[in-house]
C-alpha atoms as a PDB file:
ATOM      1  CA  MET A   1     -39.096 -79.372 -60.049  1.00  0.00           C
ATOM      2  CA  ASP A   2     -38.326 -76.455 -62.280  1.00  0.00           C
ATOM      3  CA  LEU A   3     -34.827 -74.976 -62.719  1.00  0.00           C
ATOM      4  CA  HIS A   4     -35.532 -71.904 -60.562  1.00  0.00           C
ATOM      5  CA  ASN A   5     -36.502 -74.041 -57.612  1.00  0.00           C
ATOM      6  CA  VAL A   6     -33.524 -76.233 -58.068  1.00  0.00           C
ATOM      7  CA  LEU A   7     -31.172 -73.244 -58.028  1.00  0.00           C
ATOM      8  CA  ARG A   8     -32.918 -71.774 -54.978  1.00  0.00           C
ATOM      9  CA  LEU A   9     -32.579 -75.105 -53.181  1.00  0.00           C
ATOM     10  CA  TRP A  10     -28.854 -75.365 -53.965  1.00  0.00           C
ATOM     11  CA  ALA A  11     -28.336 -71.754 -52.841  1.00  0.00           C
ATOM     12  CA  ALA A  12     -29.968 -72.471 -49.488  1.00  0.00           C
ATOM     13  CA  ASP A  13     -28.098 -75.752 -48.913  1.00  0.00           C
ATOM     14  CA  GLY A  14     -25.734 -75.537 -45.862  1.00  0.00           C
ATOM     15  CA  SER A  15     -23.518 -78.362 -47.104  1.00  0.00           C
ATOM     16  CA  TYR A  16     -23.037 -76.709 -50.483  1.00  0.00           C
ATOM     17  CA  SER A  17     -20.486 -78.403 -52.667  1.00  0.00           C
ATOM     18  CA  GLU A  18     -19.460 -76.500 -55.767  1.00  0.00           C
ATOM     19  CA  GLN A  19     -18.614 -79.666 -57.696  1.00  0.00           C
ATOM     20  CA  VAL A  20     -21.952 -81.307 -56.865  1.00  0.00           C
ATOM     21  CA  ALA A  21     -23.883 -78.161 -57.747  1.00  0.00           C
ATOM     22  CA  SER A  22     -21.955 -77.800 -61.018  1.00  0.00           C
ATOM     23  CA  SER A  23     -22.634 -81.384 -61.912  1.00  0.00           C
ATOM     24  CA  ASN A  24     -26.327 -81.149 -60.999  1.00  0.00           C
ATOM     25  CA  PHE A  25     -26.711 -77.894 -62.894  1.00  0.00           C
ATOM     26  CA  MET A  26     -25.147 -79.360 -66.032  1.00  0.00           C
ATOM     27  CA  ARG A  27     -27.383 -82.433 -65.813  1.00  0.00           C
ATOM     28  CA  SER A  28     -30.476 -80.252 -65.438  1.00  0.00           C
ATOM     29  CA  TYR A  29     -29.298 -77.947 -68.274  1.00  0.00           C
ATOM     30  CA  ARG A  30     -28.750 -80.936 -70.602  1.00  0.00           C
ATOM     31  CA  ASN A  31     -32.198 -82.312 -69.773  1.00  0.00           C
ATOM     32  CA  GLU A  32     -33.812 -78.935 -70.531  1.00  0.00           C
ATOM     33  CA  ALA A  33     -31.814 -78.582 -73.753  1.00  0.00           C
ATOM     34  CA  LYS A  34     -32.823 -82.088 -74.843  1.00  0.00           C
ATOM     35  CA  LYS A  35     -36.499 -81.322 -74.171  1.00  0.00           C
ATOM     36  CA  GLN A  36     -36.199 -78.101 -76.174  1.00  0.00           C
ATOM     37  CA  GLU A  37     -34.584 -79.954 -79.084  1.00  0.00           C
ATOM     38  CA  GLU A  38     -37.332 -82.599 -79.085  1.00  0.00           C
ATOM     39  CA  TYR A  39     -39.946 -79.906 -78.923  1.00  0.00           C
ATOM     40  CA  GLU A  40     -38.463 -78.031 -81.925  1.00  0.00           C
ATOM     41  CA  LYS A  41     -38.521 -81.310 -83.951  1.00  0.00           C
ATOM     42  CA  LEU A  42     -42.323 -81.468 -83.626  1.00  0.00           C
ATOM     43  CA  PRO A  43     -44.606 -80.146 -86.315  1.00  0.00           C
ATOM     44  CA  ALA A  44     -45.872 -76.609 -85.797  1.00  0.00           C
ATOM     45  CA  ASP A  45     -49.462 -77.737 -85.125  1.00  0.00           C
ATOM     46  CA  MET A  46     -48.247 -80.064 -82.397  1.00  0.00           C
ATOM     47  CA  GLN A  47     -46.153 -77.292 -80.866  1.00  0.00           C
ATOM     48  CA  GLN A  48     -49.238 -75.085 -80.819  1.00  0.00           C
ATOM     49  CA  MET A  49     -51.312 -77.779 -79.133  1.00  0.00           C
ATOM     50  CA  ILE A  50     -48.606 -78.263 -76.487  1.00  0.00           C
ATOM     51  CA  ASP A  51     -48.308 -74.510 -75.918  1.00  0.00           C
ATOM     52  CA  GLN A  52     -52.119 -74.266 -75.590  1.00  0.00           C
ATOM     53  CA  THR A  53     -52.202 -77.121 -73.115  1.00  0.00           C
ATOM     54  CA  ASN A  54     -49.389 -75.484 -71.069  1.00  0.00           C
ATOM     55  CA  ARG A  55     -51.245 -72.148 -71.000  1.00  0.00           C
ATOM     56  CA  ASN A  56     -54.347 -73.864 -69.682  1.00  0.00           C
ATOM     57  CA  SER A  57     -52.586 -76.011 -67.106  1.00  0.00           C
ATOM     58  CA  TYR A  58     -53.092 -75.463 -63.413  1.00  0.00           C
ATOM     59  CA  SER A  59     -49.494 -74.600 -62.876  1.00  0.00           C
ATOM     60  CA  ALA A  60     -49.672 -71.944 -65.585  1.00  0.00           C
ATOM     61  CA  GLN A  61     -52.814 -70.505 -63.987  1.00  0.00           C
ATOM     62  CA  ILE A  62     -51.079 -70.411 -60.617  1.00  0.00           C
ATOM     63  CA  ARG A  63     -48.033 -68.757 -62.146  1.00  0.00           C
ATOM     64  CA  GLU A  64     -50.227 -66.161 -63.813  1.00  0.00           C
ATOM     65  CA  LYS A  65     -52.055 -65.389 -60.555  1.00  0.00           C
ATOM     66  CA  ASN A  66     -48.758 -65.092 -58.697  1.00  0.00           C
ATOM     67  CA  ARG A  67     -47.378 -62.759 -61.378  1.00  0.00           C
ATOM     68  CA  ASP A  68     -50.496 -60.613 -61.193  1.00  0.00           C
ATOM     69  CA  ALA A  69     -50.346 -60.462 -57.381  1.00  0.00           C
ATOM     70  CA  ILE A  70     -46.673 -59.445 -57.482  1.00  0.00           C
ATOM     71  CA  GLN A  71     -47.389 -56.778 -60.049  1.00  0.00           C
ATOM     72  CA  ILE A  72     -50.205 -55.369 -58.009  1.00  0.00           C
ATOM     73  CA  MET A  73     -48.087 -55.284 -54.896  1.00  0.00           C
ATOM     74  CA  THR A  74     -45.174 -53.575 -56.670  1.00  0.00           C
ATOM     75  CA  THR A  75     -47.254 -51.010 -58.534  1.00  0.00           C
ATOM     76  CA  THR A  76     -49.740 -50.055 -55.861  1.00  0.00           C
ATOM     77  CA  GLU A  77     -48.665 -47.246 -53.624  1.00  0.00           C
ATOM     78  CA  ASN A  78     -50.553 -48.614 -50.671  1.00  0.00           C
ATOM     79  CA  ALA A  79     -49.246 -52.136 -51.011  1.00  0.00           C
ATOM     80  CA  GLU A  80     -47.853 -52.313 -47.512  1.00  0.00           C
ATOM     81  CA  ILE A  81     -50.150 -53.912 -44.974  1.00  0.00           C
ATOM     82  CA  GLU A  82     -49.888 -52.246 -41.658  1.00  0.00           C
ATOM     83  CA  ALA A  83     -50.955 -54.017 -38.481  1.00  0.00           C
ATOM     84  CA  LYS A  84     -52.991 -51.929 -36.101  1.00  0.00           C
ATOM     85  CA  ASP A  85     -51.695 -51.917 -32.521  1.00  0.00           C
ATOM     86  CA  GLU A  86     -54.939 -50.780 -30.990  1.00  0.00           C
ATOM     87  CA  PRO A  87     -56.826 -53.510 -29.138  1.00  0.00           C
ATOM     88  CA  THR A  88     -60.249 -54.564 -30.339  1.00  0.00           C
ATOM     89  CA  GLY A  89     -63.228 -54.814 -27.994  1.00  0.00           C
ATOM     90  CA  ILE A  90     -64.719 -58.054 -26.800  1.00  0.00           C
ATOM     91  CA  SER A  91     -68.469 -58.591 -27.193  1.00  0.00           C
ATOM     92  CA  GLN A  92     -70.655 -58.451 -24.098  1.00  0.00           C
ATOM     93  CA  GLN A  93     -71.554 -62.110 -24.501  1.00  0.00           C
ATOM     94  CA  SER A  94     -67.933 -63.200 -24.808  1.00  0.00           C
ATOM     95  CA  ASP A  95     -66.972 -61.001 -21.810  1.00  0.00           C
ATOM     96  CA  GLU A  96     -69.635 -62.647 -19.605  1.00  0.00           C
ATOM     97  CA  ARG A  97     -68.601 -66.100 -20.739  1.00  0.00           C
ATOM     98  CA  LEU A  98     -64.982 -65.376 -20.031  1.00  0.00           C
ATOM     99  CA  LYS A  99     -65.868 -64.115 -16.511  1.00  0.00           C
ATOM    100  CA  LYS A 100     -67.907 -67.229 -15.837  1.00  0.00           C
ATOM    101  CA  LEU A 101     -65.048 -69.466 -16.988  1.00  0.00           C
ATOM    102  CA  ILE A 102     -62.604 -67.605 -14.743  1.00  0.00           C
ATOM    103  CA  GLU A 103     -64.996 -68.070 -11.756  1.00  0.00           C
ATOM    104  CA  ASP A 104     -65.425 -71.738 -12.472  1.00  0.00           C
ATOM    105  CA  PHE A 105     -61.644 -72.178 -12.760  1.00  0.00           C
ATOM    106  CA  ARG A 106     -61.047 -70.428  -9.404  1.00  0.00           C
ATOM    107  CA  GLN A 107     -63.507 -72.760  -7.681  1.00  0.00           C
ATOM    108  CA  ILE A 108     -61.559 -75.839  -8.795  1.00  0.00           C
END
């Protein structure tokens, strides 16, 4: 679970405890800082390989698609989707079938 989701989860928690959240945040922060330190110790070519793998991962592709979708929705003037209140017609075949089902139901 990434840090953003953890923070969102804590914010939505009804039994929020500031001490617990603070402790959990510091633990998460230390883990991320340790990962970053280990990453920086790697040779440059290894860092490039990891970066390339991360860019091609499914989660990165999903993030990119989500980012694109959000950008389209925020930049497009007609981004709002409006529901139409007008009823749609029923086909003749469906109408006949519905009437037959109603008749059959009434006979029961």
